[in-house]
Amino acid sequence: MKIQKIFQYAYIVFAMLFIYDGIIKWSEDRTGAYVSLGLAALAIFMFFFRKRFNKKFDDRNKK
């Protein structure tokens, strides 16, 4: 169970890396920057999705 929570926060780390990459690419290649920022948005969405899913899973196990 703890490994799932570690991977949950890994999505935030990847989001920060993609945001950094998008900022760096912004002046050179806008298409690449949009891809990086899109992946950052997806990683943030996955963080909240996994957080909600893990909470439901924990609540179900407590019953």
PDB file of N, CA and C in Angstrom:
ATOM      1  N   MET A   1       0.814  -1.194   0.000  1.00  0.00           N
ATOM      2  CA  MET A   1       0.000   0.000   0.000  1.00  0.00           C
ATOM      3  C   MET A   1       0.862   1.263   0.000  1.00  0.00           C
ATOM      4  N   LYS A   2       1.974   1.214   0.699  1.00  0.00           N
ATOM      5  CA  LYS A   2       2.821   2.400   0.757  1.00  0.00           C
ATOM      6  C   LYS A   2       3.438   2.720  -0.592  1.00  0.00           C
ATOM      7  N   ILE A   3       3.697   1.697  -1.383  1.00  0.00           N
ATOM      8  CA  ILE A   3       4.304   1.945  -2.700  1.00  0.00           C
ATOM      9  C   ILE A   3       3.332   2.693  -3.606  1.00  0.00           C
ATOM     10  N   GLN A   4       2.045   2.472  -3.437  1.00  0.00           N
ATOM     11  CA  GLN A   4       1.058   3.213  -4.226  1.00  0.00           C
ATOM     12  C   GLN A   4       1.089   4.696  -3.883  1.00  0.00           C
ATOM     13  N   LYS A   5       1.300   5.011  -2.607  1.00  0.00           N
ATOM     14  CA  LYS A   5       1.372   6.420  -2.214  1.00  0.00           C
ATOM     15  C   LYS A   5       2.652   7.065  -2.715  1.00  0.00           C
ATOM     16  N   ILE A   6       3.730   6.299  -2.807  1.00  0.00           N
ATOM     17  CA  ILE A   6       4.977   6.832  -3.365  1.00  0.00           C
ATOM     18  C   ILE A   6       4.782   7.165  -4.833  1.00  0.00           C
ATOM     19  N   PHE A   7       4.154   6.268  -5.590  1.00  0.00           N
ATOM     20  CA  PHE A   7       3.910   6.524  -7.003  1.00  0.00           C
ATOM     21  C   PHE A   7       2.922   7.669  -7.199  1.00  0.00           C
ATOM     22  N   GLN A   8       2.025   7.845  -6.244  1.00  0.00           N
ATOM     23  CA  GLN A   8       1.082   8.955  -6.321  1.00  0.00           C
ATOM     24  C   GLN A   8       1.835  10.277  -6.323  1.00  0.00           C
ATOM     25  N   TYR A   9       2.825  10.409  -5.468  1.00  0.00           N
ATOM     26  CA  TYR A   9       3.596  11.654  -5.414  1.00  0.00           C
ATOM     27  C   TYR A   9       4.628  11.741  -6.527  1.00  0.00           C
ATOM     28  N   ALA A  10       4.938  10.634  -7.162  1.00  0.00           N
ATOM     29  CA  ALA A  10       5.842  10.666  -8.312  1.00  0.00           C
ATOM     30  C   ALA A  10       5.207  11.449  -9.463  1.00  0.00           C
ATOM     31  N   TYR A  11       3.877  11.420  -9.551  1.00  0.00           N
ATOM     32  CA  TYR A  11       3.197  12.192 -10.592  1.00  0.00           C
ATOM     33  C   TYR A  11       3.451  13.687 -10.424  1.00  0.00           C
ATOM     34  N   ILE A  12       3.509  14.158  -9.189  1.00  0.00           N
ATOM     35  CA  ILE A  12       3.795  15.575  -8.948  1.00  0.00           C
ATOM     36  C   ILE A  12       5.226  15.901  -9.370  1.00  0.00           C
ATOM     37  N   VAL A  13       6.146  14.996  -9.087  1.00  0.00           N
ATOM     38  CA  VAL A  13       7.549  15.209  -9.490  1.00  0.00           C
ATOM     39  C   VAL A  13       7.641  15.286 -11.010  1.00  0.00           C
ATOM     40  N   PHE A  14       6.970  14.363 -11.701  1.00  0.00           N
ATOM     41  CA  PHE A  14       6.987  14.392 -13.161  1.00  0.00           C
ATOM     42  C   PHE A  14       6.325  15.658 -13.700  1.00  0.00           C
ATOM     43  N   ALA A  15       5.269  16.122 -13.044  1.00  0.00           N
ATOM     44  CA  ALA A  15       4.608  17.353 -13.471  1.00  0.00           C
ATOM     45  C   ALA A  15       5.562  18.534 -13.370  1.00  0.00           C
ATOM     46  N   MET A  16       6.311  18.601 -12.283  1.00  0.00           N
ATOM     47  CA  MET A  16       7.273  19.693 -12.137  1.00  0.00           C
ATOM     48  C   MET A  16       8.362  19.620 -13.208  1.00  0.00           C
ATOM     49  N   LEU A  17       8.810  18.410 -13.521  1.00  0.00           N
ATOM     50  CA  LEU A  17       9.821  18.253 -14.568  1.00  0.00           C
ATOM     51  C   LEU A  17       9.279  18.668 -15.935  1.00  0.00           C
ATOM     52  N   PHE A  18       8.047  18.298 -16.237  1.00  0.00           N
ATOM     53  CA  PHE A  18       7.451  18.679 -17.511  1.00  0.00           C
ATOM     54  C   PHE A  18       7.199  20.189 -17.596  1.00  0.00           C
ATOM     55  N   ILE A  19       6.818  20.796 -16.487  1.00  0.00           N
ATOM     56  CA  ILE A  19       6.636  22.246 -16.481  1.00  0.00           C
ATOM     57  C   ILE A  19       7.971  22.940 -16.726  1.00  0.00           C
ATOM     58  N   TYR A  20       9.007  22.470 -16.073  1.00  0.00           N
ATOM     59  CA  TYR A  20      10.341  23.037 -16.289  1.00  0.00           C
ATOM     60  C   TYR A  20      10.761  22.884 -17.749  1.00  0.00           C
ATOM     61  N   ASP A  21      10.537  21.701 -18.293  1.00  0.00           N
ATOM     62  CA  ASP A  21      10.884  21.447 -19.693  1.00  0.00           C
ATOM     63  C   ASP A  21      10.068  22.345 -20.626  1.00  0.00           C
ATOM     64  N   GLY A  22       8.799  22.541 -20.323  1.00  0.00           N
ATOM     65  CA  GLY A  22       7.963  23.408 -21.145  1.00  0.00           C
ATOM     66  C   GLY A  22       8.419  24.855 -21.121  1.00  0.00           C
ATOM     67  N   ILE A  23       8.846  25.312 -19.961  1.00  0.00           N
ATOM     68  CA  ILE A  23       9.338  26.687 -19.853  1.00  0.00           C
ATOM     69  C   ILE A  23      10.633  26.855 -20.644  1.00  0.00           C
ATOM     70  N   ILE A  24      11.514  25.877 -20.557  1.00  0.00           N
ATOM     71  CA  ILE A  24      12.782  25.940 -21.285  1.00  0.00           C
ATOM     72  C   ILE A  24      12.541  25.920 -22.802  1.00  0.00           C
ATOM     73  N   LYS A  25      11.606  25.101 -23.261  1.00  0.00           N
ATOM     74  CA  LYS A  25      11.339  24.968 -24.694  1.00  0.00           C
ATOM     75  C   LYS A  25      10.482  26.094 -25.259  1.00  0.00           C
ATOM     76  N   TRP A  26       9.870  26.908 -24.413  1.00  0.00           N
ATOM     77  CA  TRP A  26       8.902  27.908 -24.864  1.00  0.00           C
ATOM     78  C   TRP A  26       9.475  28.855 -25.913  1.00  0.00           C
ATOM     79  N   SER A  27      10.700  29.321 -25.721  1.00  0.00           N
ATOM     80  CA  SER A  27      11.261  30.299 -26.660  1.00  0.00           C
ATOM     81  C   SER A  27      11.773  29.654 -27.942  1.00  0.00           C
ATOM     82  N   GLU A  28      12.119  28.383 -27.899  1.00  0.00           N
ATOM     83  CA  GLU A  28      12.678  27.705 -29.065  1.00  0.00           C
ATOM     84  C   GLU A  28      11.622  27.012 -29.915  1.00  0.00           C
ATOM     85  N   ASP A  29      10.819  26.181 -29.279  1.00  0.00           N
ATOM     86  CA  ASP A  29       9.885  25.329 -30.007  1.00  0.00           C
ATOM     87  C   ASP A  29       8.552  25.301 -29.267  1.00  0.00           C
ATOM     88  N   ARG A  30       7.603  26.073 -29.741  1.00  0.00           N
ATOM     89  CA  ARG A  30       6.316  26.163 -29.045  1.00  0.00           C
ATOM     90  C   ARG A  30       5.561  24.834 -29.058  1.00  0.00           C
ATOM     91  N   THR A  31       5.668  24.079 -30.137  1.00  0.00           N
ATOM     92  CA  THR A  31       4.954  22.802 -30.202  1.00  0.00           C
ATOM     93  C   THR A  31       5.464  21.860 -29.129  1.00  0.00           C
ATOM     94  N   GLY A  32       6.763  21.783 -28.975  1.00  0.00           N
ATOM     95  CA  GLY A  32       7.342  20.945 -27.926  1.00  0.00           C
ATOM     96  C   GLY A  32       6.963  21.429 -26.543  1.00  0.00           C
ATOM     97  N   ALA A  33       6.858  22.744 -26.394  1.00  0.00           N
ATOM     98  CA  ALA A  33       6.457  23.296 -25.100  1.00  0.00           C
ATOM     99  C   ALA A  33       5.014  22.925 -24.786  1.00  0.00           C
ATOM    100  N   TYR A  34       4.144  22.985 -25.785  1.00  0.00           N
ATOM    101  CA  TYR A  34       2.752  22.611 -25.561  1.00  0.00           C
ATOM    102  C   TYR A  34       2.626  21.138 -25.172  1.00  0.00           C
ATOM    103  N   VAL A  35       3.436  20.303 -25.789  1.00  0.00           N
ATOM    104  CA  VAL A  35       3.412  18.875 -25.450  1.00  0.00           C
ATOM    105  C   VAL A  35       3.858  18.680 -24.005  1.00  0.00           C
ATOM    106  N   SER A  36       4.925  19.332 -23.611  1.00  0.00           N
ATOM    107  CA  SER A  36       5.423  19.201 -22.239  1.00  0.00           C
ATOM    108  C   SER A  36       4.405  19.728 -21.226  1.00  0.00           C
ATOM    109  N   LEU A  37       3.796  20.857 -21.530  1.00  0.00           N
ATOM    110  CA  LEU A  37       2.800  21.405 -20.608  1.00  0.00           C
ATOM    111  C   LEU A  37       1.540  20.547 -20.570  1.00  0.00           C
ATOM    112  N   GLY A  38       1.196  19.937 -21.697  1.00  0.00           N
ATOM    113  CA  GLY A  38       0.070  19.008 -21.714  1.00  0.00           C
ATOM    114  C   GLY A  38       0.340  17.775 -20.868  1.00  0.00           C
ATOM    115  N   LEU A  39       1.558  17.267 -20.950  1.00  0.00           N
ATOM    116  CA  LEU A  39       1.917  16.116 -20.119  1.00  0.00           C
ATOM    117  C   LEU A  39       1.959  16.492 -18.639  1.00  0.00           C
ATOM    118  N   ALA A  40       2.341  17.712 -18.340  1.00  0.00           N
ATOM    119  CA  ALA A  40       2.317  18.187 -16.956  1.00  0.00           C
ATOM    120  C   ALA A  40       0.881  18.227 -16.442  1.00  0.00           C
ATOM    121  N   ALA A  41      -0.031  18.717 -17.272  1.00  0.00           N
ATOM    122  CA  ALA A  41      -1.443  18.755 -16.876  1.00  0.00           C
ATOM    123  C   ALA A  41      -1.982  17.340 -16.661  1.00  0.00           C
ATOM    124  N   LEU A  42      -1.582  16.423 -17.515  1.00  0.00           N
ATOM    125  CA  LEU A  42      -2.002  15.033 -17.366  1.00  0.00           C
ATOM    126  C   LEU A  42      -1.445  14.426 -16.081  1.00  0.00           C
ATOM    127  N   ALA A  43      -0.203  14.726 -15.751  1.00  0.00           N
ATOM    128  CA  ALA A  43       0.400  14.205 -14.526  1.00  0.00           C
ATOM    129  C   ALA A  43      -0.306  14.753 -13.287  1.00  0.00           C
ATOM    130  N   ILE A  44      -0.687  16.026 -13.323  1.00  0.00           N
ATOM    131  CA  ILE A  44      -1.414  16.616 -12.191  1.00  0.00           C
ATOM    132  C   ILE A  44      -2.788  15.970 -12.060  1.00  0.00           C
ATOM    133  N   PHE A  45      -3.456  15.743 -13.188  1.00  0.00           N
ATOM    134  CA  PHE A  45      -4.750  15.058 -13.165  1.00  0.00           C
ATOM    135  C   PHE A  45      -4.603  13.656 -12.580  1.00  0.00           C
ATOM    136  N   MET A  46      -3.558  12.947 -13.004  1.00  0.00           N
ATOM    137  CA  MET A  46      -3.343  11.585 -12.500  1.00  0.00           C
ATOM    138  C   MET A  46      -3.054  11.579 -11.004  1.00  0.00           C
ATOM    139  N   PHE A  47      -2.359  12.603 -10.503  1.00  0.00           N
ATOM    140  CA  PHE A  47      -2.105  12.692  -9.066  1.00  0.00           C
ATOM    141  C   PHE A  47      -3.415  12.746  -8.304  1.00  0.00           C
ATOM    142  N   PHE A  48      -4.313  13.643  -8.710  1.00  0.00           N
ATOM    143  CA  PHE A  48      -5.578  13.779  -7.995  1.00  0.00           C
ATOM    144  C   PHE A  48      -6.476  12.557  -8.205  1.00  0.00           C
ATOM    145  N   PHE A  49      -6.422  11.952  -9.379  1.00  0.00           N
ATOM    146  CA  PHE A  49      -7.209  10.743  -9.636  1.00  0.00           C
ATOM    147  C   PHE A  49      -6.734   9.605  -8.740  1.00  0.00           C
ATOM    148  N   ARG A  50      -5.408   9.406  -8.678  1.00  0.00           N
ATOM    149  CA  ARG A  50      -4.868   8.329  -7.845  1.00  0.00           C
ATOM    150  C   ARG A  50      -5.121   8.597  -6.366  1.00  0.00           C
ATOM    151  N   LYS A  51      -5.065   9.852  -5.953  1.00  0.00           N
ATOM    152  CA  LYS A  51      -5.320  10.206  -4.561  1.00  0.00           C
ATOM    153  C   LYS A  51      -6.749   9.854  -4.186  1.00  0.00           C
ATOM    154  N   ARG A  52      -7.676  10.198  -5.063  1.00  0.00           N
ATOM    155  CA  ARG A  52      -9.083   9.887  -4.803  1.00  0.00           C
ATOM    156  C   ARG A  52      -9.323   8.372  -4.823  1.00  0.00           C
ATOM    157  N   PHE A  53      -8.697   7.681  -5.772  1.00  0.00           N
ATOM    158  CA  PHE A  53      -8.852   6.234  -5.867  1.00  0.00           C
ATOM    159  C   PHE A  53      -8.284   5.552  -4.627  1.00  0.00           C
ATOM    160  N   ASN A  54      -7.110   5.973  -4.153  1.00  0.00           N
ATOM    161  CA  ASN A  54      -6.508   5.382  -2.955  1.00  0.00           C
ATOM    162  C   ASN A  54      -7.363   5.636  -1.722  1.00  0.00           C
ATOM    163  N   LYS A  55      -7.988   6.809  -1.642  1.00  0.00           N
ATOM    164  CA  LYS A  55      -8.866   7.105  -0.508  1.00  0.00           C
ATOM    165  C   LYS A  55     -10.080   6.176  -0.519  1.00  0.00           C
ATOM    166  N   LYS A  56     -10.669   5.964  -1.687  1.00  0.00           N
ATOM    167  CA  LYS A  56     -11.798   5.042  -1.789  1.00  0.00           C
ATOM    168  C   LYS A  56     -11.374   3.623  -1.416  1.00  0.00           C
ATOM    169  N   PHE A  57     -10.189   3.228  -1.858  1.00  0.00           N
ATOM    170  CA  PHE A  57      -9.689   1.893  -1.568  1.00  0.00           C
ATOM    171  C   PHE A  57      -9.457   1.720  -0.069  1.00  0.00           C
ATOM    172  N   ASP A  58      -8.885   2.730   0.589  1.00  0.00           N
ATOM    173  CA  ASP A  58      -8.664   2.661   2.037  1.00  0.00           C
ATOM    174  C   ASP A  58      -9.968   2.628   2.799  1.00  0.00           C
ATOM    175  N   ASP A  59     -10.948   3.430   2.378  1.00  0.00           N
ATOM    176  CA  ASP A  59     -12.248   3.441   3.046  1.00  0.00           C
ATOM    177  C   ASP A  59     -12.953   2.100   2.909  1.00  0.00           C
ATOM    178  N   ARG A  60     -12.807   1.480   1.756  1.00  0.00           N
ATOM    179  CA  ARG A  60     -13.438   0.179   1.537  1.00  0.00           C
ATOM    180  C   ARG A  60     -12.783  -0.899   2.400  1.00  0.00           C
ATOM    181  N   ASN A  61     -11.475  -0.819   2.601  1.00  0.00           N
ATOM    182  CA  ASN A  61     -10.772  -1.794   3.429  1.00  0.00           C
ATOM    183  C   ASN A  61     -11.064  -1.624   4.914  1.00  0.00           C
ATOM    184  N   LYS A  62     -11.411  -0.421   5.337  1.00  0.00           N
ATOM    185  CA  LYS A  62     -11.717  -0.174   6.747  1.00  0.00           C
ATOM    186  C   LYS A  62     -13.053  -0.781   7.154  1.00  0.00           C
ATOM    187  N   LYS A  63     -13.960  -0.928   6.205  1.00  0.00           N
ATOM    188  CA  LYS A  63     -15.290  -1.470   6.519  1.00  0.00           C
ATOM    189  C   LYS A  63     -15.276  -2.954   6.681  1.00  0.00           C
TER     190      LYS A  63
END
